[in-house]
N, C-alpha and C. Protein backbone atom coordinates (compact mmCIF):
# COMPACT_ATOMS: atom_id res chain seq x y z
N UNK A 1 -0.88 27.26 -34.25
CA UNK A 1 -2.24 26.82 -34.35
C UNK A 1 -2.30 25.34 -34.01
N UNK A 2 -3.31 25.00 -33.24
CA UNK A 2 -3.45 23.61 -32.84
C UNK A 2 -4.92 23.20 -32.91
N UNK A 3 -5.16 22.06 -33.49
CA UNK A 3 -6.51 21.50 -33.55
C UNK A 3 -6.61 20.47 -32.43
N UNK A 4 -6.72 20.96 -31.19
CA UNK A 4 -6.69 20.05 -30.05
C UNK A 4 -7.91 20.19 -29.15
N UNK A 5 -8.87 21.02 -29.51
CA UNK A 5 -10.06 21.22 -28.69
C UNK A 5 -11.02 20.05 -28.86
N UNK A 6 -11.50 19.52 -27.75
CA UNK A 6 -12.53 18.48 -27.77
C UNK A 6 -13.87 19.21 -27.83
N UNK A 7 -14.44 19.30 -29.02
CA UNK A 7 -15.67 20.08 -29.23
C UNK A 7 -16.87 19.51 -28.49
N UNK A 8 -16.90 18.22 -28.30
CA UNK A 8 -18.02 17.58 -27.59
C UNK A 8 -18.00 17.91 -26.10
N UNK A 9 -16.82 17.94 -25.49
CA UNK A 9 -16.71 18.15 -24.04
C UNK A 9 -16.56 19.63 -23.66
N UNK A 10 -16.23 20.47 -24.62
CA UNK A 10 -16.02 21.90 -24.35
C UNK A 10 -17.32 22.67 -24.53
N UNK A 11 -17.38 23.84 -23.90
CA UNK A 11 -18.54 24.71 -24.11
C UNK A 11 -18.40 25.39 -25.46
N UNK A 12 -19.52 25.78 -26.02
CA UNK A 12 -19.50 26.50 -27.30
C UNK A 12 -18.97 27.91 -27.07
N UNK A 13 -18.26 28.48 -28.03
CA UNK A 13 -17.76 29.84 -27.86
C UNK A 13 -18.92 30.84 -27.77
N UNK A 14 -18.73 31.89 -26.95
CA UNK A 14 -19.74 32.93 -26.89
C UNK A 14 -19.54 33.88 -28.07
N UNK A 15 -20.27 34.98 -28.09
CA UNK A 15 -20.21 35.91 -29.23
C UNK A 15 -18.82 36.48 -29.46
N UNK A 16 -18.05 36.63 -28.37
CA UNK A 16 -16.69 37.16 -28.48
C UNK A 16 -15.67 36.07 -28.80
N UNK A 17 -16.13 34.82 -28.85
CA UNK A 17 -15.23 33.71 -29.13
C UNK A 17 -14.66 33.06 -27.89
N UNK A 18 -15.06 33.54 -26.71
CA UNK A 18 -14.53 32.98 -25.46
C UNK A 18 -15.15 31.62 -25.19
N UNK A 19 -14.30 30.65 -24.88
CA UNK A 19 -14.73 29.31 -24.52
C UNK A 19 -14.58 29.21 -23.01
N UNK A 20 -15.70 29.13 -22.31
CA UNK A 20 -15.66 29.14 -20.85
C UNK A 20 -15.11 27.83 -20.29
N UNK A 21 -15.40 26.73 -20.94
CA UNK A 21 -14.90 25.44 -20.49
C UNK A 21 -14.22 24.77 -21.67
N UNK A 22 -12.91 24.85 -21.69
CA UNK A 22 -12.12 24.24 -22.76
C UNK A 22 -11.59 22.89 -22.28
N UNK A 23 -11.83 21.88 -23.08
CA UNK A 23 -11.30 20.54 -22.81
C UNK A 23 -10.48 20.17 -24.04
N UNK A 24 -9.25 19.73 -23.79
CA UNK A 24 -8.35 19.42 -24.89
C UNK A 24 -8.12 17.92 -25.02
N UNK A 25 -7.78 17.50 -26.22
CA UNK A 25 -7.40 16.11 -26.49
C UNK A 25 -5.90 16.04 -26.17
N UNK A 26 -5.52 15.34 -25.10
CA UNK A 26 -4.13 15.38 -24.63
C UNK A 26 -3.06 15.10 -25.68
N UNK A 27 -3.27 14.11 -26.53
CA UNK A 27 -2.21 13.77 -27.49
C UNK A 27 -2.16 14.73 -28.68
N UNK A 28 -3.06 15.72 -28.72
CA UNK A 28 -3.02 16.70 -29.81
C UNK A 28 -2.57 18.08 -29.33
N UNK A 29 -2.29 18.21 -28.03
CA UNK A 29 -1.78 19.48 -27.50
C UNK A 29 -0.31 19.62 -27.91
N UNK A 30 0.09 20.75 -28.47
CA UNK A 30 1.50 20.94 -28.85
C UNK A 30 2.35 21.24 -27.61
N UNK A 31 2.62 20.19 -26.82
CA UNK A 31 3.31 20.37 -25.54
C UNK A 31 4.75 20.83 -25.69
N UNK A 32 5.33 20.71 -26.87
CA UNK A 32 6.70 21.19 -27.08
C UNK A 32 6.74 22.69 -27.35
N UNK A 33 5.60 23.31 -27.57
CA UNK A 33 5.52 24.76 -27.83
C UNK A 33 5.15 25.48 -26.53
N UNK A 34 5.63 26.70 -26.32
CA UNK A 34 5.28 27.43 -25.10
C UNK A 34 3.83 27.88 -25.08
N UNK A 35 3.22 28.03 -26.25
CA UNK A 35 1.82 28.46 -26.32
C UNK A 35 1.22 28.02 -27.65
N UNK A 36 -0.09 28.13 -27.74
CA UNK A 36 -0.77 27.81 -28.99
C UNK A 36 -2.09 28.55 -29.06
N UNK A 37 -2.62 28.66 -30.26
CA UNK A 37 -3.96 29.19 -30.51
C UNK A 37 -4.77 28.06 -31.13
N UNK A 38 -6.07 28.11 -30.92
CA UNK A 38 -6.94 27.09 -31.50
C UNK A 38 -7.25 27.43 -32.95
N UNK A 39 -7.45 26.42 -33.76
CA UNK A 39 -7.78 26.67 -35.16
C UNK A 39 -9.13 27.36 -35.29
N UNK A 40 -10.04 27.12 -34.35
CA UNK A 40 -11.38 27.72 -34.38
C UNK A 40 -11.40 29.16 -33.89
N UNK A 41 -10.42 29.53 -33.08
CA UNK A 41 -10.40 30.86 -32.48
C UNK A 41 -8.97 31.35 -32.40
N UNK A 42 -8.63 32.30 -33.21
CA UNK A 42 -7.25 32.78 -33.26
C UNK A 42 -7.03 33.99 -32.36
N UNK A 43 -8.02 34.34 -31.54
CA UNK A 43 -7.90 35.50 -30.66
C UNK A 43 -7.15 35.18 -29.38
N UNK A 44 -7.50 34.07 -28.76
CA UNK A 44 -6.95 33.74 -27.45
C UNK A 44 -5.71 32.85 -27.57
N UNK A 45 -4.76 33.08 -26.68
CA UNK A 45 -3.52 32.30 -26.65
C UNK A 45 -3.53 31.46 -25.38
N UNK A 46 -3.24 30.19 -25.52
CA UNK A 46 -3.14 29.27 -24.39
C UNK A 46 -1.65 29.00 -24.15
N UNK A 47 -1.16 29.34 -22.95
CA UNK A 47 0.24 29.14 -22.58
C UNK A 47 0.34 27.87 -21.75
N UNK A 48 1.44 27.12 -21.94
CA UNK A 48 1.63 25.97 -21.06
C UNK A 48 2.13 26.48 -19.70
N UNK A 49 2.00 25.65 -18.69
CA UNK A 49 2.33 26.07 -17.33
C UNK A 49 3.76 26.57 -17.17
N UNK A 50 4.69 25.89 -17.78
CA UNK A 50 6.10 26.27 -17.67
C UNK A 50 6.34 27.67 -18.23
N UNK A 51 5.82 27.95 -19.40
CA UNK A 51 6.00 29.27 -20.03
C UNK A 51 5.25 30.35 -19.25
N UNK A 52 4.05 30.04 -18.77
CA UNK A 52 3.27 31.02 -18.01
C UNK A 52 3.98 31.40 -16.72
N UNK A 53 4.56 30.42 -16.03
CA UNK A 53 5.31 30.73 -14.80
C UNK A 53 6.55 31.56 -15.09
N UNK A 54 7.22 31.30 -16.21
CA UNK A 54 8.39 32.09 -16.59
C UNK A 54 7.99 33.55 -16.85
N UNK A 55 6.90 33.75 -17.58
CA UNK A 55 6.42 35.12 -17.84
C UNK A 55 6.08 35.80 -16.53
N UNK A 56 5.42 35.09 -15.62
CA UNK A 56 5.06 35.67 -14.33
C UNK A 56 6.30 36.04 -13.53
N UNK A 57 7.32 35.20 -13.57
CA UNK A 57 8.57 35.49 -12.87
C UNK A 57 9.25 36.73 -13.44
N UNK A 58 9.29 36.83 -14.75
CA UNK A 58 9.96 37.96 -15.40
C UNK A 58 9.18 39.27 -15.25
N UNK A 59 7.86 39.20 -15.32
CA UNK A 59 7.04 40.42 -15.26
C UNK A 59 6.66 40.79 -13.83
N UNK A 60 6.69 39.82 -12.94
CA UNK A 60 6.29 40.06 -11.56
C UNK A 60 4.91 39.47 -11.30
N UNK A 61 4.78 38.81 -10.17
CA UNK A 61 3.52 38.13 -9.83
C UNK A 61 2.34 39.10 -9.77
N UNK A 62 2.61 40.35 -9.41
CA UNK A 62 1.52 41.34 -9.34
C UNK A 62 1.06 41.79 -10.72
N UNK A 63 1.84 41.49 -11.75
CA UNK A 63 1.51 41.92 -13.12
C UNK A 63 0.85 40.84 -13.97
N UNK A 64 1.03 39.58 -13.59
CA UNK A 64 0.53 38.47 -14.40
C UNK A 64 -0.24 37.50 -13.51
N UNK A 65 -1.49 37.27 -13.86
CA UNK A 65 -2.31 36.30 -13.13
C UNK A 65 -2.36 35.01 -13.92
N UNK A 66 -2.02 33.91 -13.27
CA UNK A 66 -2.08 32.60 -13.91
C UNK A 66 -3.47 32.02 -13.69
N UNK A 67 -4.10 31.56 -14.77
CA UNK A 67 -5.43 30.96 -14.69
C UNK A 67 -5.41 29.60 -15.37
N UNK A 68 -5.76 28.59 -14.62
CA UNK A 68 -5.79 27.24 -15.17
C UNK A 68 -6.98 27.09 -16.11
N UNK A 69 -6.71 26.63 -17.31
CA UNK A 69 -7.76 26.39 -18.29
C UNK A 69 -8.15 24.92 -18.30
N UNK A 70 -7.14 24.05 -18.28
CA UNK A 70 -7.39 22.62 -18.41
C UNK A 70 -6.19 21.87 -17.86
N UNK A 71 -6.42 20.67 -17.36
CA UNK A 71 -5.35 19.83 -16.85
C UNK A 71 -5.73 18.37 -17.01
N UNK A 72 -4.72 17.52 -17.12
CA UNK A 72 -4.98 16.08 -17.13
C UNK A 72 -5.27 15.59 -15.72
N UNK A 73 -4.97 16.41 -14.71
CA UNK A 73 -5.24 16.07 -13.31
C UNK A 73 -6.73 16.30 -13.04
N UNK A 74 -7.49 15.24 -12.77
CA UNK A 74 -8.93 15.41 -12.56
C UNK A 74 -9.28 16.20 -11.30
N UNK A 75 -8.34 16.36 -10.37
CA UNK A 75 -8.62 17.13 -9.16
C UNK A 75 -8.31 18.62 -9.33
N UNK A 76 -7.67 18.99 -10.42
CA UNK A 76 -7.34 20.40 -10.67
C UNK A 76 -8.62 21.17 -11.01
N UNK A 77 -8.76 22.36 -10.44
CA UNK A 77 -9.96 23.19 -10.67
C UNK A 77 -9.65 24.26 -11.70
N UNK A 78 -10.23 24.19 -12.90
CA UNK A 78 -10.03 25.25 -13.88
C UNK A 78 -10.64 26.56 -13.39
N UNK A 79 -10.07 27.66 -13.82
CA UNK A 79 -10.61 28.98 -13.49
C UNK A 79 -12.01 29.08 -14.10
N UNK A 80 -13.00 29.67 -13.41
CA UNK A 80 -14.36 29.72 -13.95
C UNK A 80 -14.50 30.56 -15.23
N UNK A 81 -13.61 31.50 -15.42
CA UNK A 81 -13.65 32.32 -16.64
C UNK A 81 -12.20 32.65 -17.04
N UNK A 82 -11.48 31.68 -17.57
CA UNK A 82 -10.05 31.85 -17.79
C UNK A 82 -9.66 32.97 -18.75
N UNK A 83 -10.50 33.29 -19.71
CA UNK A 83 -10.15 34.33 -20.68
C UNK A 83 -10.83 35.66 -20.38
N UNK A 84 -11.62 35.70 -19.32
CA UNK A 84 -12.34 36.92 -18.98
C UNK A 84 -11.45 37.96 -18.33
N UNK A 85 -11.82 39.20 -18.50
CA UNK A 85 -11.07 40.30 -17.90
C UNK A 85 -11.93 41.01 -16.89
């Protein structure tokens, strides 16, 4: 569990708890962990890039789609609906 969501900059969760635009406070992200859940929403799991790429390598690229949620790189484009199916 991580309390790293910037509530002012992020979109409000919808009825299912999905946050379409998640913005994180960089120094509060548990970067030493492969993944985390938000304290406000325990349904969705956010994986760091390194762990997500490892899962994709092990499961196969056709089985796992990587979707960018947030980045410190201002030129990176987050997926428009990262938690949507």
